Amino acid sequence: MEILVYGVGGIGGYFGGKLANVGFNVSMIARGEHLKAIQKNGLEVESINGNFKVKPKIATSDVSEVSKPDLVILGIKSWQIPSVATELKPIIGENTMVLPLQNGADNVEKLLEILPKKNVLAGLCFVVSFIEKPGKITHAAFDPKITFGEIDNSQSDRILKLKNIFDEAGISNSIPENIQLEIWKKFLFICTISGIGGLTRVSIDKIRESDYLFEMMRKTAKEIIAVGKAKNIPLNNKHLEMVFEIINSQPEGNTASTQRDIMQGRPSELENFNGYIVKEGEKLGVETPVNRYIYECLKPMEEAARKSN
């Protein structure tokens, strides 16, 4: 199987590295010093589950150098999907599977605007990993997992084959009954904490210590659920309470990646998180005042970050 990992950060570097480590033909699209280090020395993964080093089949910034892949794993940010999908389109074959793993509720929708429906899968992942330095990924916590499926939730042959591939690579994975619900469950958590984290600029434990901010998070989450329900996603109060169990269990100092991007002046997923909820709420007639407040307060910083990067 020819596998292309587009984006070799925490997600793509870890999962792509695991696939390459058991002998799959894995090509990687990366940029800058990170790419140079991978080309020279290979990709090093330091993991709580065991360290390893791999040499990808090809490491490049140019997709035209890559063979038509059987599987593309997208390890990019949700806001990068339209441009990356356009870039990938010439090398997408009849049977290529494109698997998005980034945070966000509408990644599949974005892909379907550019790529044929037959090529697009739905997915998400759980992993705590990051680029430690050029050429090195550190997996610091949590047992990584990929959850994936067909858009229509059918148990297709290719989905079962992909499960076997992840199993062979030692990647924990699952095919749920409703992949859209699983995507929204994770989105409910990440969207609830990300924008308010960017506003307050403190860790999750500090946010939850404030009664006012804790209640603000609950209101944010309830608006997300209301939008999800309007889109026929079967979210309910059980999912709300599950999210707050996770929030309450976060250790001291934890922050969301979108919050860190905002604080460091980098382009973030604000538009794809709180901004998405606001815009979908407007389309569907769902009031989202708390998400709008967070979004509008952070939007000027987001626009400045995009102009300077």
C-alpha atoms as a PDB file:
ATOM      1  CA  MET A   1       0.000   0.000   0.000  1.00  0.00           C
ATOM      2  CA  GLU A   2       1.231   3.478  -0.917  1.00  0.00           C
ATOM      3  CA  ILE A   3       0.526   5.879   1.954  1.00  0.00           C
ATOM      4  CA  LEU A   4       0.955   9.647   1.849  1.00  0.00           C
ATOM      5  CA  VAL A   5       1.045  11.635   5.069  1.00  0.00           C
ATOM      6  CA  TYR A   6       0.406  15.304   4.360  1.00  0.00           C
ATOM      7  CA  GLY A   7       1.612  17.307   7.360  1.00  0.00           C
ATOM      8  CA  VAL A   8       4.243  15.742   9.620  1.00  0.00           C
ATOM      9  CA  GLY A   9       3.401  17.430  12.918  1.00  0.00           C
ATOM     10  CA  GLY A  10       2.139  15.719  16.045  1.00  0.00           C
ATOM     11  CA  ILE A  11      -0.617  13.791  14.249  1.00  0.00           C
ATOM     12  CA  GLY A  12       0.996  12.960  10.904  1.00  0.00           C
ATOM     13  CA  GLY A  13       4.437  12.414  12.360  1.00  0.00           C
ATOM     14  CA  TYR A  14       3.271   9.951  14.997  1.00  0.00           C
ATOM     15  CA  PHE A  15       0.787   7.900  12.943  1.00  0.00           C
ATOM     16  CA  GLY A  16       2.837   8.111   9.741  1.00  0.00           C
ATOM     17  CA  GLY A  17       5.893   7.048  11.698  1.00  0.00           C
ATOM     18  CA  LYS A  18       4.054   4.048  13.145  1.00  0.00           C
ATOM     19  CA  LEU A  19       2.974   2.943   9.654  1.00  0.00           C
ATOM     20  CA  ALA A  20       6.487   3.358   8.229  1.00  0.00           C
ATOM     21  CA  ASN A  21       7.982   1.531  11.202  1.00  0.00           C
ATOM     22  CA  VAL A  22       6.283  -1.753  10.217  1.00  0.00           C
ATOM     23  CA  GLY A  23       7.316  -1.488   6.573  1.00  0.00           C
ATOM     24  CA  PHE A  24       4.513   0.306   4.740  1.00  0.00           C
ATOM     25  CA  ASN A  25       5.540   2.609   1.878  1.00  0.00           C
ATOM     26  CA  VAL A  26       5.010   5.981   3.545  1.00  0.00           C
ATOM     27  CA  SER A  27       5.739   9.275   1.807  1.00  0.00           C
ATOM     28  CA  MET A  28       5.618  12.511   3.784  1.00  0.00           C
ATOM     29  CA  ILE A  29       4.864  16.109   2.869  1.00  0.00           C
ATOM     30  CA  ALA A  30       6.596  18.544   5.214  1.00  0.00           C
ATOM     31  CA  ARG A  31       8.111  22.022   5.120  1.00  0.00           C
ATOM     32  CA  GLY A  32      11.177  24.031   6.143  1.00  0.00           C
ATOM     33  CA  GLU A  33      13.791  22.823   8.627  1.00  0.00           C
ATOM     34  CA  HIS A  34      11.571  19.913   9.682  1.00  0.00           C
ATOM     35  CA  LEU A  35      11.599  18.587   6.103  1.00  0.00           C
ATOM     36  CA  LYS A  36      15.378  19.080   5.756  1.00  0.00           C
ATOM     37  CA  ALA A  37      15.995  17.129   8.964  1.00  0.00           C
ATOM     38  CA  ILE A  38      13.721  14.265   7.849  1.00  0.00           C
ATOM     39  CA  GLN A  39      15.405  14.129   4.435  1.00  0.00           C
ATOM     40  CA  LYS A  40      18.853  14.019   6.036  1.00  0.00           C
ATOM     41  CA  ASN A  41      18.343  11.813   9.078  1.00  0.00           C
ATOM     42  CA  GLY A  42      14.847  10.312   8.881  1.00  0.00           C
ATOM     43  CA  LEU A  43      11.991  10.930  11.310  1.00  0.00           C
ATOM     44  CA  GLU A  44      12.588  10.246  14.989  1.00  0.00           C
ATOM     45  CA  VAL A  45       9.613   9.488  17.239  1.00  0.00           C
ATOM     46  CA  GLU A  46      10.129   9.568  20.998  1.00  0.00           C
ATOM     47  CA  SER A  47       7.105   7.875  22.557  1.00  0.00           C
ATOM     48  CA  ILE A  48       5.932   6.733  25.973  1.00  0.00           C
ATOM     49  CA  ASN A  49       5.139   3.455  24.157  1.00  0.00           C
ATOM     50  CA  GLY A  50       8.668   3.048  22.783  1.00  0.00           C
ATOM     51  CA  ASN A  51      11.009   5.137  20.648  1.00  0.00           C
ATOM     52  CA  PHE A  52      11.724   4.483  16.978  1.00  0.00           C
ATOM     53  CA  LYS A  53      13.215   6.089  13.890  1.00  0.00           C
ATOM     54  CA  VAL A  54      12.025   5.726  10.289  1.00  0.00           C
ATOM     55  CA  LYS A  55      13.118   6.751   6.831  1.00  0.00           C
ATOM     56  CA  PRO A  56      10.086   7.641   4.694  1.00  0.00           C
ATOM     57  CA  LYS A  57       9.944   6.442   1.100  1.00  0.00           C
ATOM     58  CA  ILE A  58       9.926  10.100   0.022  1.00  0.00           C
ATOM     59  CA  ALA A  59      10.073  13.269   2.120  1.00  0.00           C
ATOM     60  CA  THR A  60       9.237  16.351   0.075  1.00  0.00           C
ATOM     61  CA  SER A  61       7.236  19.568  -0.061  1.00  0.00           C
ATOM     62  CA  ASP A  62       6.065  18.837  -3.621  1.00  0.00           C
ATOM     63  CA  VAL A  63       3.127  16.421  -4.057  1.00  0.00           C
ATOM     64  CA  SER A  64       4.002  15.948  -7.745  1.00  0.00           C
ATOM     65  CA  GLU A  65       7.014  13.882  -6.616  1.00  0.00           C
ATOM     66  CA  VAL A  66       4.713  11.336  -4.961  1.00  0.00           C
ATOM     67  CA  SER A  67       3.136   8.266  -6.596  1.00  0.00           C
ATOM     68  CA  LYS A  68      -0.664   8.020  -6.691  1.00  0.00           C
ATOM     69  CA  PRO A  69      -1.394   6.990  -3.085  1.00  0.00           C
ATOM     70  CA  ASP A  70      -3.828   4.340  -1.879  1.00  0.00           C
ATOM     71  CA  LEU A  71      -4.280   6.254   1.379  1.00  0.00           C
ATOM     72  CA  VAL A  72      -3.759   9.922   2.255  1.00  0.00           C
ATOM     73  CA  ILE A  73      -3.663  10.853   5.934  1.00  0.00           C
ATOM     74  CA  LEU A  74      -4.199  14.561   6.539  1.00  0.00           C
ATOM     75  CA  GLY A  75      -2.174  15.790   9.513  1.00  0.00           C
ATOM     76  CA  ILE A  76      -2.867  19.485   8.889  1.00  0.00           C
ATOM     77  CA  LYS A  77      -5.073  22.120  10.539  1.00  0.00           C
ATOM     78  CA  SER A  78      -8.739  22.263   9.539  1.00  0.00           C
ATOM     79  CA  TRP A  79      -8.362  25.709   7.929  1.00  0.00           C
ATOM     80  CA  GLN A  80      -5.701  24.298   5.582  1.00  0.00           C
ATOM     81  CA  ILE A  81      -7.973  21.612   4.097  1.00  0.00           C
ATOM     82  CA  PRO A  82      -9.283  23.531   1.030  1.00  0.00           C
ATOM     83  CA  SER A  83      -5.840  24.495  -0.259  1.00  0.00           C
ATOM     84  CA  VAL A  84      -4.311  21.087   0.525  1.00  0.00           C
ATOM     85  CA  ALA A  85      -7.205  19.199  -1.112  1.00  0.00           C
ATOM     86  CA  THR A  86      -6.745  21.318  -4.256  1.00  0.00           C
ATOM     87  CA  GLU A  87      -3.021  20.552  -4.212  1.00  0.00           C
ATOM     88  CA  LEU A  88      -3.688  16.817  -3.804  1.00  0.00           C
ATOM     89  CA  LYS A  89      -6.380  16.552  -6.478  1.00  0.00           C
ATOM     90  CA  PRO A  90      -4.015  15.700  -9.389  1.00  0.00           C
ATOM     91  CA  ILE A  91      -2.587  12.663  -7.570  1.00  0.00           C
ATOM     92  CA  ILE A  92      -5.889  11.294  -6.213  1.00  0.00           C
ATOM     93  CA  GLY A  93      -6.573   8.026  -8.029  1.00  0.00           C
ATOM     94  CA  GLU A  94      -9.811   6.133  -8.595  1.00  0.00           C
ATOM     95  CA  ASN A  95      -9.405   4.145  -5.367  1.00  0.00           C
ATOM     96  CA  THR A  96      -7.473   6.610  -3.185  1.00  0.00           C
ATOM     97  CA  MET A  97      -8.815   7.015   0.347  1.00  0.00           C
ATOM     98  CA  VAL A  98      -8.420  10.446   1.968  1.00  0.00           C
ATOM     99  CA  LEU A  99      -8.635  10.345   5.767  1.00  0.00           C
ATOM    100  CA  PRO A 100      -8.862  13.654   7.686  1.00  0.00           C
ATOM    101  CA  LEU A 101      -7.768  13.364  11.332  1.00  0.00           C
ATOM    102  CA  GLN A 102      -7.697  16.996  12.456  1.00  0.00           C
ATOM    103  CA  ASN A 103     -10.090  18.698  14.853  1.00  0.00           C
ATOM    104  CA  GLY A 104     -13.199  20.306  13.387  1.00  0.00           C
ATOM    105  CA  ALA A 105     -16.790  19.367  12.605  1.00  0.00           C
ATOM    106  CA  ASP A 106     -16.846  20.117   8.871  1.00  0.00           C
ATOM    107  CA  ASN A 107     -13.615  18.611   7.532  1.00  0.00           C
ATOM    108  CA  VAL A 108     -15.517  16.122   5.370  1.00  0.00           C
ATOM    109  CA  GLU A 109     -17.729  18.905   4.010  1.00  0.00           C
ATOM    110  CA  LYS A 110     -14.625  20.890   3.029  1.00  0.00           C
ATOM    111  CA  LEU A 111     -13.073  17.890   1.278  1.00  0.00           C
ATOM    112  CA  LEU A 112     -16.265  17.118  -0.627  1.00  0.00           C
ATOM    113  CA  GLU A 113     -16.227  20.613  -2.130  1.00  0.00           C
ATOM    114  CA  ILE A 114     -13.011  19.659  -3.955  1.00  0.00           C
ATOM    115  CA  LEU A 115     -12.597  15.877  -4.085  1.00  0.00           C
ATOM    116  CA  PRO A 116     -14.963  13.123  -5.330  1.00  0.00           C
ATOM    117  CA  LYS A 117     -17.179  11.650  -2.620  1.00  0.00           C
ATOM    118  CA  LYS A 118     -15.865   8.135  -3.340  1.00  0.00           C
ATOM    119  CA  ASN A 119     -12.388   9.192  -2.174  1.00  0.00           C
ATOM    120  CA  VAL A 120     -13.329  10.770   1.152  1.00  0.00           C
ATOM    121  CA  LEU A 121     -13.482   9.039   4.526  1.00  0.00           C
ATOM    122  CA  ALA A 122     -14.372  10.581   7.894  1.00  0.00           C
ATOM    123  CA  GLY A 123     -12.125  10.385  10.924  1.00  0.00           C
ATOM    124  CA  LEU A 124     -10.591  11.836  14.048  1.00  0.00           C
ATOM    125  CA  CYS A 125      -7.780  10.943  16.386  1.00  0.00           C
ATOM    126  CA  PHE A 126      -6.667  11.220  19.976  1.00  0.00           C
ATOM    127  CA  VAL A 127      -2.969  11.836  20.528  1.00  0.00           C
ATOM    128  CA  VAL A 128      -0.797  14.123  22.650  1.00  0.00           C
ATOM    129  CA  SER A 129       2.254  14.688  20.460  1.00  0.00           C
ATOM    130  CA  PHE A 130       4.193  17.547  18.907  1.00  0.00           C
ATOM    131  CA  ILE A 131       7.341  18.534  17.008  1.00  0.00           C
ATOM    132  CA  GLU A 132      10.088  18.590  19.642  1.00  0.00           C
ATOM    133  CA  LYS A 133      12.655  19.872  17.146  1.00  0.00           C
ATOM    134  CA  PRO A 134      13.156  19.531  13.375  1.00  0.00           C
ATOM    135  CA  GLY A 135      13.011  15.848  12.511  1.00  0.00           C
ATOM    136  CA  LYS A 136      11.704  14.728  15.905  1.00  0.00           C
ATOM    137  CA  ILE A 137       8.159  14.029  17.152  1.00  0.00           C
ATOM    138  CA  THR A 138       7.498  13.582  20.869  1.00  0.00           C
ATOM    139  CA  HIS A 139       4.488  11.555  22.018  1.00  0.00           C
ATOM    140  CA  ALA A 140       4.117  12.665  25.626  1.00  0.00           C
ATOM    141  CA  ALA A 141       0.868  11.219  26.988  1.00  0.00           C
ATOM    142  CA  PHE A 142      -2.257   9.168  26.287  1.00  0.00           C
ATOM    143  CA  ASP A 143      -2.543   6.003  24.184  1.00  0.00           C
ATOM    144  CA  PRO A 144      -3.045   7.315  20.617  1.00  0.00           C
ATOM    145  CA  LYS A 145      -6.143   6.180  18.755  1.00  0.00           C
ATOM    146  CA  ILE A 146      -7.742   6.690  15.333  1.00  0.00           C
ATOM    147  CA  THR A 147     -11.523   6.540  14.913  1.00  0.00           C
ATOM    148  CA  PHE A 148     -12.676   6.383  11.297  1.00  0.00           C
ATOM    149  CA  GLY A 149     -15.362   5.239   8.899  1.00  0.00           C
ATOM    150  CA  GLU A 150     -17.233   5.718   5.656  1.00  0.00           C
ATOM    151  CA  ILE A 151     -19.281   8.909   5.415  1.00  0.00           C
ATOM    152  CA  ASP A 152     -22.452   6.787   5.262  1.00  0.00           C
ATOM    153  CA  ASN A 153     -21.229   4.560   8.147  1.00  0.00           C
ATOM    154  CA  SER A 154     -21.249   1.434   5.954  1.00  0.00           C
ATOM    155  CA  GLN A 155     -18.860  -1.412   6.829  1.00  0.00           C
ATOM    156  CA  SER A 156     -17.127  -1.423   3.444  1.00  0.00           C
ATOM    157  CA  ASP A 157     -14.318  -3.761   2.431  1.00  0.00           C
ATOM    158  CA  ARG A 158     -11.857  -0.886   2.243  1.00  0.00           C
ATOM    159  CA  ILE A 159     -12.712   0.265   5.762  1.00  0.00           C
ATOM    160  CA  LEU A 160     -12.105  -3.230   7.127  1.00  0.00           C
ATOM    161  CA  LYS A 161      -8.848  -3.423   5.148  1.00  0.00           C
ATOM    162  CA  LEU A 162      -7.759  -0.082   6.594  1.00  0.00           C
ATOM    163  CA  LYS A 163      -8.501  -1.374  10.088  1.00  0.00           C
ATOM    164  CA  ASN A 164      -6.175  -4.312   9.437  1.00  0.00           C
ATOM    165  CA  ILE A 165      -3.444  -1.903   8.324  1.00  0.00           C
ATOM    166  CA  PHE A 166      -3.744   0.154  11.501  1.00  0.00           C
ATOM    167  CA  ASP A 167      -3.798  -3.049  13.559  1.00  0.00           C
ATOM    168  CA  GLU A 168      -0.606  -4.229  11.837  1.00  0.00           C
ATOM    169  CA  ALA A 169       1.073  -0.914  12.657  1.00  0.00           C
ATOM    170  CA  GLY A 170       0.093  -1.217  16.335  1.00  0.00           C
ATOM    171  CA  ILE A 171      -2.246   1.776  16.141  1.00  0.00           C
ATOM    172  CA  SER A 172      -5.315   1.568  18.378  1.00  0.00           C
ATOM    173  CA  ASN A 173      -8.357   2.177  16.171  1.00  0.00           C
ATOM    174  CA  SER A 174     -12.107   1.750  15.967  1.00  0.00           C
ATOM    175  CA  ILE A 175     -14.947   1.938  13.447  1.00  0.00           C
ATOM    176  CA  PRO A 176     -17.982   3.404  15.259  1.00  0.00           C
ATOM    177  CA  GLU A 177     -21.651   2.999  14.387  1.00  0.00           C
ATOM    178  CA  ASN A 178     -21.903   6.753  13.743  1.00  0.00           C
ATOM    179  CA  ILE A 179     -18.643   8.471  12.770  1.00  0.00           C
ATOM    180  CA  GLN A 180     -20.315  11.904  12.558  1.00  0.00           C
ATOM    181  CA  LEU A 181     -21.430  11.655  16.182  1.00  0.00           C
ATOM    182  CA  GLU A 182     -17.896  10.730  17.267  1.00  0.00           C
ATOM    183  CA  ILE A 183     -16.462  13.717  15.371  1.00  0.00           C
ATOM    184  CA  TRP A 184     -18.968  16.058  17.027  1.00  0.00           C
ATOM    185  CA  LYS A 185     -18.311  14.597  20.487  1.00  0.00           C
ATOM    186  CA  LYS A 186     -14.637  15.496  20.176  1.00  0.00           C
ATOM    187  CA  PHE A 187     -15.527  18.829  18.580  1.00  0.00           C
ATOM    188  CA  LEU A 188     -17.817  19.591  21.517  1.00  0.00           C
ATOM    189  CA  PHE A 189     -14.862  19.294  23.884  1.00  0.00           C
ATOM    190  CA  ILE A 190     -12.240  21.063  21.796  1.00  0.00           C
ATOM    191  CA  CYS A 191     -14.492  23.961  20.747  1.00  0.00           C
ATOM    192  CA  THR A 192     -15.724  24.482  24.313  1.00  0.00           C
ATOM    193  CA  ILE A 193     -12.209  24.966  25.690  1.00  0.00           C
ATOM    194  CA  SER A 194     -10.298  26.502  22.766  1.00  0.00           C
ATOM    195  CA  GLY A 195     -11.878  29.921  22.249  1.00  0.00           C
ATOM    196  CA  ILE A 196     -12.312  30.701  25.925  1.00  0.00           C
ATOM    197  CA  GLY A 197      -8.725  29.577  26.468  1.00  0.00           C
ATOM    198  CA  GLY A 198      -7.591  32.029  23.803  1.00  0.00           C
ATOM    199  CA  LEU A 199      -9.550  34.805  25.489  1.00  0.00           C
ATOM    200  CA  THR A 200      -8.426  34.157  29.055  1.00  0.00           C
ATOM    201  CA  ARG A 201      -4.892  33.003  28.169  1.00  0.00           C
ATOM    202  CA  VAL A 202      -4.766  30.651  31.143  1.00  0.00           C
ATOM    203  CA  SER A 203      -4.856  26.866  31.467  1.00  0.00           C
ATOM    204  CA  ILE A 204      -8.051  24.810  31.645  1.00  0.00           C
ATOM    205  CA  ASP A 205      -7.750  24.268  35.395  1.00  0.00           C
ATOM    206  CA  LYS A 206      -7.615  28.041  35.970  1.00  0.00           C
ATOM    207  CA  ILE A 207     -10.687  28.575  33.779  1.00  0.00           C
ATOM    208  CA  ARG A 208     -12.755  25.977  35.622  1.00  0.00           C
ATOM    209  CA  GLU A 209     -11.811  27.480  39.011  1.00  0.00           C
ATOM    210  CA  SER A 210     -13.892  30.552  38.088  1.00  0.00           C
ATOM    211  CA  ASP A 211     -17.621  29.996  38.556  1.00  0.00           C
ATOM    212  CA  TYR A 212     -18.349  32.649  35.935  1.00  0.00           C
ATOM    213  CA  LEU A 213     -16.006  31.143  33.321  1.00  0.00           C
ATOM    214  CA  PHE A 214     -17.116  27.597  34.093  1.00  0.00           C
ATOM    215  CA  GLU A 215     -20.722  28.599  33.452  1.00  0.00           C
ATOM    216  CA  MET A 216     -19.607  30.366  30.282  1.00  0.00           C
ATOM    217  CA  MET A 217     -18.078  27.100  29.079  1.00  0.00           C
ATOM    218  CA  ARG A 218     -21.330  25.261  29.770  1.00  0.00           C
ATOM    219  CA  LYS A 219     -23.266  27.832  27.753  1.00  0.00           C
ATOM    220  CA  THR A 220     -20.746  27.506  24.920  1.00  0.00           C
ATOM    221  CA  ALA A 221     -21.180  23.737  24.916  1.00  0.00           C
ATOM    222  CA  LYS A 222     -24.985  23.916  25.005  1.00  0.00           C
ATOM    223  CA  GLU A 223     -24.952  26.161  21.928  1.00  0.00           C
ATOM    224  CA  ILE A 224     -22.689  23.678  20.116  1.00  0.00           C
ATOM    225  CA  ILE A 225     -25.090  20.856  20.967  1.00  0.00           C
ATOM    226  CA  ALA A 226     -28.046  22.911  19.711  1.00  0.00           C
ATOM    227  CA  VAL A 227     -26.311  23.516  16.370  1.00  0.00           C
ATOM    228  CA  GLY A 228     -25.343  19.855  16.144  1.00  0.00           C
ATOM    229  CA  LYS A 229     -28.938  18.758  16.760  1.00  0.00           C
ATOM    230  CA  ALA A 230     -30.117  21.144  14.035  1.00  0.00           C
ATOM    231  CA  LYS A 231     -27.708  19.303  11.710  1.00  0.00           C
ATOM    232  CA  ASN A 232     -29.192  15.942  12.787  1.00  0.00           C
ATOM    233  CA  ILE A 233     -26.236  14.984  14.978  1.00  0.00           C
ATOM    234  CA  PRO A 234     -27.694  13.025  17.945  1.00  0.00           C
ATOM    235  CA  LEU A 235     -25.928  14.930  20.723  1.00  0.00           C
ATOM    236  CA  ASN A 236     -27.613  15.097  24.122  1.00  0.00           C
ATOM    237  CA  ASN A 237     -27.072  16.038  27.785  1.00  0.00           C
ATOM    238  CA  LYS A 238     -25.140  12.814  28.377  1.00  0.00           C
ATOM    239  CA  HIS A 239     -22.508  14.063  25.928  1.00  0.00           C
ATOM    240  CA  LEU A 240     -22.471  17.457  27.662  1.00  0.00           C
ATOM    241  CA  GLU A 241     -21.736  15.837  31.018  1.00  0.00           C
ATOM    242  CA  MET A 242     -19.080  13.592  29.470  1.00  0.00           C
ATOM    243  CA  VAL A 243     -17.285  16.654  28.111  1.00  0.00           C
ATOM    244  CA  PHE A 244     -17.290  18.326  31.509  1.00  0.00           C
ATOM    245  CA  GLU A 245     -15.960  15.183  33.150  1.00  0.00           C
ATOM    246  CA  ILE A 246     -13.012  15.462  30.747  1.00  0.00           C
ATOM    247  CA  ILE A 247     -12.644  19.193  31.438  1.00  0.00           C
ATOM    248  CA  ASN A 248     -12.687  18.545  35.189  1.00  0.00           C
ATOM    249  CA  SER A 249     -10.046  15.841  34.856  1.00  0.00           C
ATOM    250  CA  GLN A 250      -7.537  18.002  32.951  1.00  0.00           C
ATOM    251  CA  PRO A 251      -4.266  18.340  34.889  1.00  0.00           C
ATOM    252  CA  GLU A 252      -2.820  21.688  35.901  1.00  0.00           C
ATOM    253  CA  GLY A 253      -1.273  23.641  33.065  1.00  0.00           C
ATOM    254  CA  ASN A 254      -3.110  21.975  30.162  1.00  0.00           C
ATOM    255  CA  THR A 255      -4.062  24.214  27.229  1.00  0.00           C
ATOM    256  CA  ALA A 256      -5.627  23.534  23.828  1.00  0.00           C
ATOM    257  CA  SER A 257      -3.507  23.772  20.673  1.00  0.00           C
ATOM    258  CA  THR A 258      -5.793  26.442  19.191  1.00  0.00           C
ATOM    259  CA  GLN A 259      -5.375  28.497  22.345  1.00  0.00           C
ATOM    260  CA  ARG A 260      -1.587  28.204  22.037  1.00  0.00           C
ATOM    261  CA  ASP A 261      -1.737  29.299  18.384  1.00  0.00           C
ATOM    262  CA  ILE A 262      -3.807  32.359  19.353  1.00  0.00           C
ATOM    263  CA  MET A 263      -1.464  33.280  22.201  1.00  0.00           C
ATOM    264  CA  GLN A 264       1.605  32.932  19.961  1.00  0.00           C
ATOM    265  CA  GLY A 265       0.130  35.058  17.171  1.00  0.00           C
ATOM    266  CA  ARG A 266      -0.174  32.197  14.697  1.00  0.00           C
ATOM    267  CA  PRO A 267      -3.189  31.470  12.449  1.00  0.00           C
ATOM    268  CA  SER A 268      -5.581  29.318  14.470  1.00  0.00           C
ATOM    269  CA  GLU A 269      -8.717  27.223  14.038  1.00  0.00           C
ATOM    270  CA  LEU A 270     -10.956  29.962  15.447  1.00  0.00           C
ATOM    271  CA  GLU A 271     -12.970  30.184  12.206  1.00  0.00           C
ATOM    272  CA  ASN A 272     -13.429  26.406  12.187  1.00  0.00           C
ATOM    273  CA  PHE A 273     -14.433  26.228  15.859  1.00  0.00           C
ATOM    274  CA  ASN A 274     -16.446  29.072  17.418  1.00  0.00           C
ATOM    275  CA  GLY A 275     -16.725  30.818  14.043  1.00  0.00           C
ATOM    276  CA  TYR A 276     -18.188  27.681  12.492  1.00  0.00           C
ATOM    277  CA  ILE A 277     -20.808  27.397  15.259  1.00  0.00           C
ATOM    278  CA  VAL A 278     -21.795  31.053  14.814  1.00  0.00           C
ATOM    279  CA  LYS A 279     -22.164  30.742  11.046  1.00  0.00           C
ATOM    280  CA  GLU A 280     -23.993  27.409  11.140  1.00  0.00           C
ATOM    281  CA  GLY A 281     -26.269  28.823  13.857  1.00  0.00           C
ATOM    282  CA  GLU A 282     -27.165  31.730  11.579  1.00  0.00           C
ATOM    283  CA  LYS A 283     -27.973  29.334   8.713  1.00  0.00           C
ATOM    284  CA  LEU A 284     -30.052  27.038  10.896  1.00  0.00           C
ATOM    285  CA  GLY A 285     -31.822  29.618  13.056  1.00  0.00           C
ATOM    286  CA  VAL A 286     -29.994  28.643  16.275  1.00  0.00           C
ATOM    287  CA  GLU A 287     -28.955  31.426  18.674  1.00  0.00           C
ATOM    288  CA  THR A 288     -25.258  31.286  19.621  1.00  0.00           C
ATOM    289  CA  PRO A 289     -24.558  34.454  21.675  1.00  0.00           C
ATOM    290  CA  VAL A 290     -21.692  33.054  23.789  1.00  0.00           C
ATOM    291  CA  ASN A 291     -19.849  31.546  20.835  1.00  0.00           C
ATOM    292  CA  ARG A 292     -20.385  34.816  18.950  1.00  0.00           C
ATOM    293  CA  TYR A 293     -18.911  36.823  21.836  1.00  0.00           C
ATOM    294  CA  ILE A 294     -15.809  34.602  21.931  1.00  0.00           C
ATOM    295  CA  TYR A 295     -15.476  34.615  18.147  1.00  0.00           C
ATOM    296  CA  GLU A 296     -15.885  38.381  17.688  1.00  0.00           C
ATOM    297  CA  CYS A 297     -13.430  39.152  20.527  1.00  0.00           C
ATOM    298  CA  LEU A 298     -10.737  36.927  18.995  1.00  0.00           C
ATOM    299  CA  LYS A 299     -11.424  37.658  15.323  1.00  0.00           C
ATOM    300  CA  PRO A 300      -9.248  40.831  15.081  1.00  0.00           C
ATOM    301  CA  MET A 301      -6.249  38.895  16.468  1.00  0.00           C
ATOM    302  CA  GLU A 302      -6.931  36.062  14.033  1.00  0.00           C
ATOM    303  CA  GLU A 303      -7.058  38.444  11.073  1.00  0.00           C
ATOM    304  CA  ALA A 304      -3.795  40.076  12.158  1.00  0.00           C
ATOM    305  CA  ALA A 305      -2.123  36.658  12.521  1.00  0.00           C
ATOM    306  CA  ARG A 306      -3.186  35.619   9.025  1.00  0.00           C
ATOM    307  CA  LYS A 307      -1.853  38.844   7.499  1.00  0.00           C
ATOM    308  CA  SER A 308       1.539  38.471   9.182  1.00  0.00           C
ATOM    309  CA  ASN A 309       2.032  34.743   8.446  1.00  0.00           C
END
